[in-house]
Amino acid sequence: MTDTWREDLFTISPHSPAAIPPTRKLPAPETAPYDPLDWEDCPACTEAQDQCRYHAGFYAGMEYQRALITTALTDHTAIDQLQQRHHEIEVSTARTASADTNTATP
């Protein structure tokens, strides 16, 4: 082993994929939103001068759900897959419930 094995093991090389690129903007510390539903007077958003991390994440989650719902309502293949998966879950739940009932009855 080389003499620098310890540094190599416990430090991240700037060329490694785990290293943070220098052009990436690191998030600044923010205050927590006092009222998560108050988008207009959020002190964390004011501090960040944009959406705070909480509201940005909330918005991203809502966009993800909107995309899923839109796909589920417009893509016939997705609708069939959802219905099939729902049926599988119902059958599995029914089997589990009947097995629990059979083992509980003396």
N, C-alpha and C. Protein backbone atom coordinates (compact mmCIF):
# COMPACT_ATOMS: atom_id res chain seq x y z
N MET A 1 0.84 -1.19 0.00
CA MET A 1 0.00 0.00 0.00
C MET A 1 0.88 1.24 0.00
N THR A 2 0.31 2.27 -0.55
CA THR A 2 1.06 3.53 -0.58
C THR A 2 1.00 4.19 0.79
N ASP A 3 1.86 5.17 0.99
CA ASP A 3 1.89 5.88 2.28
C ASP A 3 0.65 6.74 2.48
N THR A 4 -0.07 7.03 1.42
CA THR A 4 -1.25 7.91 1.53
C THR A 4 -2.55 7.12 1.57
N TRP A 5 -2.48 5.84 1.94
CA TRP A 5 -3.70 5.02 1.91
C TRP A 5 -4.77 5.57 2.83
N ARG A 6 -4.38 6.10 3.99
CA ARG A 6 -5.37 6.62 4.93
C ARG A 6 -6.08 7.84 4.36
N GLU A 7 -5.36 8.77 3.77
CA GLU A 7 -5.96 9.94 3.15
C GLU A 7 -6.82 9.55 1.95
N ASP A 8 -6.35 8.57 1.20
CA ASP A 8 -7.12 8.11 0.05
C ASP A 8 -8.43 7.46 0.49
N LEU A 9 -8.41 6.78 1.62
CA LEU A 9 -9.60 6.10 2.10
C LEU A 9 -10.61 7.06 2.71
N PHE A 10 -10.12 8.05 3.44
CA PHE A 10 -11.02 8.90 4.20
C PHE A 10 -11.26 10.28 3.60
N THR A 11 -10.79 10.55 2.42
CA THR A 11 -11.06 11.82 1.75
C THR A 11 -11.61 11.55 0.37
N ILE A 12 -12.31 12.53 -0.17
CA ILE A 12 -12.90 12.40 -1.50
C ILE A 12 -12.02 13.14 -2.49
N SER A 13 -11.64 12.47 -3.52
CA SER A 13 -10.86 13.09 -4.57
C SER A 13 -11.75 14.06 -5.34
N PRO A 14 -11.22 15.21 -5.77
CA PRO A 14 -12.05 16.12 -6.55
C PRO A 14 -12.46 15.53 -7.89
N HIS A 15 -11.81 14.45 -8.30
CA HIS A 15 -12.13 13.82 -9.58
C HIS A 15 -13.10 12.65 -9.42
N SER A 16 -13.45 12.32 -8.19
CA SER A 16 -14.34 11.19 -7.99
C SER A 16 -15.79 11.61 -8.25
N PRO A 17 -16.66 10.66 -8.62
CA PRO A 17 -18.07 10.99 -8.86
C PRO A 17 -18.79 11.48 -7.61
N ALA A 18 -18.28 11.14 -6.42
CA ALA A 18 -18.93 11.57 -5.19
C ALA A 18 -18.60 13.01 -4.82
N ALA A 19 -17.60 13.57 -5.46
CA ALA A 19 -17.21 14.95 -5.14
C ALA A 19 -18.26 15.93 -5.64
N ILE A 20 -18.45 16.98 -4.89
CA ILE A 20 -19.41 18.01 -5.26
C ILE A 20 -18.78 18.90 -6.33
N PRO A 21 -19.45 19.08 -7.45
CA PRO A 21 -18.87 19.95 -8.48
C PRO A 21 -18.75 21.38 -7.95
N PRO A 22 -17.67 22.07 -8.28
CA PRO A 22 -17.48 23.42 -7.75
C PRO A 22 -18.49 24.43 -8.28
N THR A 23 -19.12 24.15 -9.42
CA THR A 23 -20.09 25.09 -9.98
C THR A 23 -21.47 24.94 -9.35
N ARG A 24 -21.68 23.87 -8.60
CA ARG A 24 -22.98 23.64 -7.98
C ARG A 24 -23.16 24.59 -6.81
N LYS A 25 -24.31 25.24 -6.77
CA LYS A 25 -24.61 26.17 -5.69
C LYS A 25 -25.11 25.37 -4.49
N LEU A 26 -24.41 25.47 -3.38
CA LEU A 26 -24.84 24.79 -2.16
C LEU A 26 -25.94 25.61 -1.50
N PRO A 27 -26.95 24.94 -0.94
CA PRO A 27 -28.03 25.69 -0.30
C PRO A 27 -27.55 26.38 0.96
N ALA A 28 -27.99 27.59 1.13
CA ALA A 28 -27.64 28.35 2.32
C ALA A 28 -28.53 27.91 3.47
N PRO A 29 -28.12 28.16 4.69
CA PRO A 29 -29.01 27.82 5.80
C PRO A 29 -30.27 28.68 5.74
N GLU A 30 -31.36 28.07 6.09
CA GLU A 30 -32.63 28.77 6.04
C GLU A 30 -33.36 28.57 7.35
N THR A 31 -34.22 29.51 7.67
CA THR A 31 -35.08 29.32 8.82
C THR A 31 -36.19 28.37 8.42
N ALA A 32 -36.72 27.67 9.37
CA ALA A 32 -37.82 26.74 9.08
C ALA A 32 -39.10 27.55 8.84
N PRO A 33 -39.95 27.08 7.93
CA PRO A 33 -41.21 27.80 7.73
C PRO A 33 -42.08 27.69 8.99
N TYR A 34 -42.56 28.82 9.47
CA TYR A 34 -43.41 28.81 10.65
C TYR A 34 -44.75 28.20 10.33
N ASP A 35 -45.26 28.49 9.16
CA ASP A 35 -46.54 27.93 8.71
C ASP A 35 -46.31 27.35 7.33
N PRO A 36 -46.20 26.02 7.21
CA PRO A 36 -45.89 25.42 5.91
C PRO A 36 -46.90 25.75 4.81
N LEU A 37 -48.13 26.09 5.19
CA LEU A 37 -49.14 26.39 4.18
C LEU A 37 -49.11 27.85 3.73
N ASP A 38 -48.33 28.68 4.40
CA ASP A 38 -48.25 30.09 4.06
C ASP A 38 -47.12 30.30 3.06
N TRP A 39 -47.47 30.34 1.79
CA TRP A 39 -46.47 30.48 0.73
C TRP A 39 -46.05 31.94 0.54
N GLU A 40 -46.87 32.87 0.93
CA GLU A 40 -46.59 34.27 0.64
C GLU A 40 -45.71 34.94 1.68
N ASP A 41 -45.87 34.60 2.95
CA ASP A 41 -45.11 35.26 4.01
C ASP A 41 -44.18 34.29 4.72
N CYS A 42 -43.53 33.43 3.99
CA CYS A 42 -42.63 32.44 4.57
C CYS A 42 -41.26 33.10 4.83
N PRO A 43 -40.79 33.14 6.09
CA PRO A 43 -39.50 33.76 6.36
C PRO A 43 -38.34 33.02 5.71
N ALA A 44 -38.46 31.70 5.54
CA ALA A 44 -37.39 30.94 4.88
C ALA A 44 -37.30 31.30 3.40
N CYS A 45 -38.46 31.49 2.76
CA CYS A 45 -38.45 31.91 1.35
C CYS A 45 -37.88 33.31 1.21
N THR A 46 -38.19 34.17 2.17
CA THR A 46 -37.64 35.53 2.15
C THR A 46 -36.14 35.48 2.31
N GLU A 47 -35.66 34.64 3.22
CA GLU A 47 -34.23 34.51 3.45
C GLU A 47 -33.52 33.97 2.21
N ALA A 48 -34.13 32.99 1.56
CA ALA A 48 -33.51 32.38 0.37
C ALA A 48 -33.71 33.24 -0.87
N GLN A 49 -34.57 34.21 -0.83
CA GLN A 49 -34.93 35.07 -1.96
C GLN A 49 -35.45 34.25 -3.13
N ASP A 50 -36.08 33.16 -2.80
CA ASP A 50 -36.70 32.25 -3.76
C ASP A 50 -37.53 31.30 -2.91
N GLN A 51 -37.97 30.19 -3.47
CA GLN A 51 -38.65 29.20 -2.65
C GLN A 51 -37.63 28.56 -1.70
N CYS A 52 -38.02 28.39 -0.45
CA CYS A 52 -37.15 27.69 0.49
C CYS A 52 -37.13 26.21 0.13
N ARG A 53 -36.26 25.47 0.76
CA ARG A 53 -36.15 24.04 0.44
C ARG A 53 -37.44 23.30 0.73
N TYR A 54 -38.15 23.70 1.79
CA TYR A 54 -39.41 23.03 2.11
C TYR A 54 -40.43 23.24 1.01
N HIS A 55 -40.64 24.49 0.63
CA HIS A 55 -41.66 24.77 -0.38
C HIS A 55 -41.24 24.28 -1.77
N ALA A 56 -39.95 24.31 -2.07
CA ALA A 56 -39.48 23.76 -3.35
C ALA A 56 -39.73 22.26 -3.40
N GLY A 57 -39.46 21.57 -2.30
CA GLY A 57 -39.72 20.13 -2.24
C GLY A 57 -41.19 19.81 -2.29
N PHE A 58 -42.00 20.61 -1.62
CA PHE A 58 -43.45 20.43 -1.64
C PHE A 58 -43.98 20.60 -3.06
N TYR A 59 -43.50 21.63 -3.75
CA TYR A 59 -43.92 21.90 -5.12
C TYR A 59 -43.48 20.75 -6.04
N ALA A 60 -42.25 20.27 -5.87
CA ALA A 60 -41.77 19.16 -6.70
C ALA A 60 -42.61 17.91 -6.47
N GLY A 61 -42.99 17.65 -5.22
CA GLY A 61 -43.84 16.50 -4.92
C GLY A 61 -45.22 16.62 -5.56
N MET A 62 -45.77 17.82 -5.51
CA MET A 62 -47.08 18.05 -6.14
C MET A 62 -47.00 17.88 -7.65
N GLU A 63 -45.93 18.36 -8.26
CA GLU A 63 -45.75 18.18 -9.70
C GLU A 63 -45.60 16.71 -10.06
N TYR A 64 -44.89 15.95 -9.22
CA TYR A 64 -44.73 14.52 -9.45
C TYR A 64 -46.08 13.81 -9.38
N GLN A 65 -46.89 14.14 -8.37
CA GLN A 65 -48.20 13.53 -8.24
C GLN A 65 -49.09 13.92 -9.41
N ARG A 66 -49.01 15.16 -9.86
CA ARG A 66 -49.81 15.61 -11.00
C ARG A 66 -49.44 14.81 -12.25
N ALA A 67 -48.14 14.60 -12.45
CA ALA A 67 -47.70 13.83 -13.61
C ALA A 67 -48.18 12.38 -13.53
N LEU A 68 -48.13 11.78 -12.32
CA LEU A 68 -48.63 10.41 -12.16
C LEU A 68 -50.12 10.31 -12.46
N ILE A 69 -50.88 11.26 -11.93
CA ILE A 69 -52.33 11.23 -12.14
C ILE A 69 -52.66 11.46 -13.61
N THR A 70 -51.96 12.39 -14.25
CA THR A 70 -52.18 12.65 -15.68
C THR A 70 -51.87 11.40 -16.50
N THR A 71 -50.78 10.73 -16.17
CA THR A 71 -50.43 9.50 -16.88
C THR A 71 -51.48 8.42 -16.64
N ALA A 72 -51.91 8.30 -15.40
CA ALA A 72 -52.90 7.26 -15.07
C ALA A 72 -54.23 7.51 -15.76
N LEU A 73 -54.57 8.77 -16.00
CA LEU A 73 -55.85 9.07 -16.63
C LEU A 73 -55.81 9.06 -18.16
N THR A 74 -54.63 9.20 -18.74
CA THR A 74 -54.55 9.32 -20.20
C THR A 74 -53.90 8.13 -20.89
N ASP A 75 -53.07 7.38 -20.18
CA ASP A 75 -52.35 6.26 -20.80
C ASP A 75 -53.10 4.97 -20.50
N HIS A 76 -53.64 4.34 -21.54
CA HIS A 76 -54.45 3.14 -21.35
C HIS A 76 -53.63 1.96 -20.83
N THR A 77 -52.37 1.87 -21.21
CA THR A 77 -51.52 0.80 -20.70
C THR A 77 -51.30 0.98 -19.20
N ALA A 78 -51.09 2.23 -18.78
CA ALA A 78 -50.90 2.50 -17.35
C ALA A 78 -52.17 2.20 -16.58
N ILE A 79 -53.32 2.51 -17.16
CA ILE A 79 -54.59 2.21 -16.50
C ILE A 79 -54.75 0.71 -16.30
N ASP A 80 -54.44 -0.07 -17.33
CA ASP A 80 -54.53 -1.54 -17.23
C ASP A 80 -53.58 -2.07 -16.16
N GLN A 81 -52.34 -1.55 -16.13
CA GLN A 81 -51.37 -2.00 -15.14
C GLN A 81 -51.81 -1.64 -13.73
N LEU A 82 -52.36 -0.45 -13.55
CA LEU A 82 -52.85 -0.04 -12.23
C LEU A 82 -54.00 -0.94 -11.77
N GLN A 83 -54.92 -1.23 -12.68
CA GLN A 83 -56.05 -2.09 -12.32
C GLN A 83 -55.58 -3.50 -11.98
N GLN A 84 -54.62 -4.01 -12.75
CA GLN A 84 -54.09 -5.34 -12.48
C GLN A 84 -53.38 -5.38 -11.13
N ARG A 85 -52.58 -4.37 -10.83
CA ARG A 85 -51.87 -4.31 -9.55
C ARG A 85 -52.86 -4.17 -8.39
N HIS A 86 -53.88 -3.37 -8.58
CA HIS A 86 -54.91 -3.21 -7.55
C HIS A 86 -55.61 -4.54 -7.27
N HIS A 87 -55.91 -5.29 -8.31
CA HIS A 87 -56.54 -6.61 -8.16
C HIS A 87 -55.60 -7.56 -7.41
N GLU A 88 -54.30 -7.54 -7.75
CA GLU A 88 -53.33 -8.40 -7.06
C GLU A 88 -53.28 -8.07 -5.58
N ILE A 89 -53.31 -6.80 -5.24
CA ILE A 89 -53.27 -6.39 -3.83
C ILE A 89 -54.54 -6.83 -3.11
N GLU A 90 -55.69 -6.69 -3.77
CA GLU A 90 -56.95 -7.14 -3.16
C GLU A 90 -56.93 -8.64 -2.90
N VAL A 91 -56.44 -9.42 -3.84
CA VAL A 91 -56.39 -10.88 -3.69
C VAL A 91 -55.43 -11.24 -2.55
N SER A 92 -54.29 -10.59 -2.51
CA SER A 92 -53.31 -10.85 -1.45
C SER A 92 -53.88 -10.50 -0.08
N THR A 93 -54.58 -9.38 0.00
CA THR A 93 -55.19 -8.98 1.26
C THR A 93 -56.27 -9.96 1.69
N ALA A 94 -57.07 -10.41 0.73
CA ALA A 94 -58.13 -11.38 1.04
C ALA A 94 -57.53 -12.69 1.53
N ARG A 95 -56.44 -13.14 0.91
CA ARG A 95 -55.78 -14.38 1.34
C ARG A 95 -55.23 -14.24 2.75
N THR A 96 -54.61 -13.11 3.03
CA THR A 96 -54.05 -12.88 4.36
C THR A 96 -55.16 -12.83 5.40
N ALA A 97 -56.26 -12.16 5.08
CA ALA A 97 -57.38 -12.06 6.02
C ALA A 97 -57.99 -13.43 6.28
N SER A 98 -58.14 -14.23 5.21
CA SER A 98 -58.75 -15.57 5.41
C SER A 98 -57.78 -16.48 6.17
N ALA A 99 -56.48 -16.33 5.94
CA ALA A 99 -55.50 -17.15 6.68
C ALA A 99 -55.50 -16.76 8.16
N ASP A 100 -55.62 -15.47 8.44
CA ASP A 100 -55.68 -15.00 9.83
C ASP A 100 -56.95 -15.51 10.50
N THR A 101 -58.05 -15.51 9.77
CA THR A 101 -59.32 -16.00 10.34
C THR A 101 -59.25 -17.48 10.61
N ASN A 102 -58.66 -18.25 9.69
CA ASN A 102 -58.56 -19.70 9.87
C ASN A 102 -57.65 -20.07 11.04
N THR A 103 -56.58 -19.34 11.25
CA THR A 103 -55.67 -19.67 12.36
C THR A 103 -56.20 -19.17 13.68
N ALA A 104 -57.04 -18.15 13.66
CA ALA A 104 -57.60 -17.61 14.91
C ALA A 104 -58.76 -18.47 15.43
N THR A 105 -59.44 -19.19 14.55
CA THR A 105 -60.56 -20.02 14.97
C THR A 105 -60.04 -21.33 15.52
N PRO A 106 -60.39 -21.69 16.80
CA PRO A 106 -59.88 -22.96 17.38
C PRO A 106 -60.58 -24.17 16.86
